[in-house]
Protein backbone atom coordinates (compact mmCIF):
# COMPACT_ATOMS: atom_id res chain seq x y z
CA MET A 1 -169.10 -133.05 -6.65
CA LYS A 2 -166.35 -133.44 -8.94
CA LYS A 3 -163.22 -131.04 -8.70
CA ASN A 4 -160.21 -131.97 -10.90
CA GLY A 5 -161.51 -135.11 -11.94
CA LYS A 6 -161.86 -136.25 -8.33
CA THR A 7 -164.96 -136.45 -6.03
CA GLU A 8 -165.60 -134.41 -3.66
CA PRO A 9 -167.27 -135.92 -0.28
CA LEU A 10 -170.48 -133.45 0.22
CA ASP A 11 -171.76 -132.27 3.77
CA LEU A 12 -175.67 -132.69 3.62
CA HIS A 13 -177.80 -132.60 6.28
CA VAL A 14 -180.71 -135.46 6.76
CA LEU A 15 -183.82 -135.33 8.50
CA ILE A 16 -185.02 -138.71 10.14
CA GLU A 17 -188.30 -138.81 11.72
CA LYS A 18 -190.55 -141.71 12.82
CA GLU A 19 -193.92 -141.61 10.68
CA ASP A 20 -196.15 -144.40 11.89
CA ARG A 21 -194.29 -147.64 11.93
CA LEU A 22 -191.85 -146.17 9.55
CA TYR A 23 -188.91 -143.85 9.75
CA SER A 24 -188.80 -141.06 6.90
CA ALA A 25 -185.47 -139.27 5.69
CA LEU A 26 -184.82 -136.32 3.90
CA CYS A 27 -181.54 -134.94 2.58
CA LEU A 28 -182.26 -131.25 2.93
CA GLU A 29 -180.11 -129.72 0.21
CA LEU A 30 -181.48 -131.81 -2.43
CA ASP A 31 -185.27 -132.49 -1.42
CA VAL A 32 -184.37 -136.13 -1.74
CA ALA A 33 -186.36 -138.73 0.72
CA SER A 34 -186.41 -142.07 1.49
CA GLN A 35 -187.49 -144.53 4.39
CA GLY A 36 -186.70 -147.66 6.24
CA ARG A 37 -188.21 -149.79 9.05
CA THR A 38 -185.31 -148.69 11.36
CA PRO A 39 -183.24 -145.39 11.39
CA ALA A 40 -179.83 -147.01 10.23
CA GLU A 41 -181.95 -148.53 7.51
CA ALA A 42 -183.40 -145.34 6.74
CA LYS A 43 -180.01 -143.69 6.81
CA LYS A 44 -178.85 -146.35 4.38
CA ASN A 45 -181.68 -145.63 1.79
CA ILE A 46 -181.09 -142.16 2.11
CA VAL A 47 -177.64 -142.27 1.36
CA GLU A 48 -178.52 -144.44 -1.84
CA ALA A 49 -181.08 -142.20 -2.87
CA ILE A 50 -178.79 -139.38 -2.84
CA GLU A 51 -176.18 -141.28 -5.01
CA LEU A 52 -178.85 -142.23 -7.30
CA TYR A 53 -179.82 -138.59 -7.72
CA LEU A 54 -176.48 -137.17 -8.34
CA GLU A 55 -175.72 -140.09 -10.76
CA SER A 56 -178.55 -139.14 -12.76
CA VAL A 57 -177.69 -135.56 -12.78
CA TYR A 58 -174.02 -136.71 -14.25
CA ALA A 59 -175.19 -139.05 -16.21
CA ASP A 60 -177.51 -136.03 -18.23
CA GLY A 61 -174.41 -134.20 -18.14
CA ASP A 62 -176.19 -131.38 -16.00
CA GLU A 63 -173.42 -131.08 -13.60
CA LYS A 64 -172.18 -127.49 -14.68
CA GLU A 65 -176.04 -126.20 -14.65
CA PHE A 66 -176.69 -128.37 -11.27
CA ILE A 67 -178.24 -126.12 -8.53
CA PRO A 68 -179.58 -127.68 -5.43
CA ARG A 69 -183.30 -127.68 -4.55
CA PRO A 70 -183.85 -127.42 -1.00
CA ALA A 71 -186.15 -128.49 1.05
CA PRO A 72 -189.07 -126.66 2.22
CA VAL A 73 -187.76 -124.08 4.96
CA GLU A 74 -190.35 -125.81 7.71
CA GLU A 75 -188.17 -129.08 7.59
CA TRP A 76 -185.01 -126.90 7.81
CA LEU A 77 -186.62 -125.65 11.10
CA LYS A 78 -187.34 -129.33 12.10
CA TYR A 79 -183.84 -130.16 11.64
CA PHE A 80 -182.37 -127.40 13.59
CA GLN A 81 -184.93 -127.79 16.49
CA ALA A 82 -183.72 -131.81 16.65
CA MET A 83 -180.19 -130.50 16.54
CA THR A 84 -180.69 -128.03 19.43
CA TYR A 85 -182.57 -130.67 21.42
CA ARG A 86 -179.82 -133.19 21.12
CA MET A 87 -177.05 -130.10 22.00
CA GLN A 88 -179.26 -129.30 25.09
CA LYS A 89 -179.47 -132.86 26.10
CA SER A 90 -175.96 -133.47 25.65
CA PHE A 91 -174.82 -130.58 27.49
CA ARG A 92 -176.92 -131.63 30.60
CA ARG A 93 -175.47 -134.90 30.52
CA SER A 94 -171.80 -133.50 30.59
CA ALA A 95 -172.64 -130.73 32.82
CA GLY A 96 -174.17 -133.68 35.42
CA ARG A 97 -170.86 -135.33 35.13
CA GLY A 98 -168.98 -132.33 36.01
CA ARG A 99 -167.06 -132.28 32.83
CA ILE A 100 -167.99 -128.96 32.10
CA ARG A 101 -165.93 -126.24 34.17
CA GLN A 102 -166.83 -122.40 34.31
CA SER A 103 -164.25 -120.24 33.43
CA LYS A 104 -163.12 -117.06 34.80
CA VAL A 105 -164.45 -114.00 33.62
CA LEU A 106 -161.41 -111.01 33.71
């Protein structure tokens, strides 16, 4: 979004899932979707879809009244479940390599 005439970066959450032979990508804050043959292509396509969506908001002069339309709760739950799984997997790898130390409890 724009602030003082400058475009500020947005922190958006994107869920990428494999569906049959394609990967679907969904921006959770805006409920904008895209797809690709690979996760990288799906990511590239969702970025483009988000940019086009926000450009249309600005072109129509709706940025002051713009209210994000979030994706359904079920999609958010999928996203956070996937993030939890990734964090657990990363934690197990780090613990297995001895990178995590136990701290002393006073």
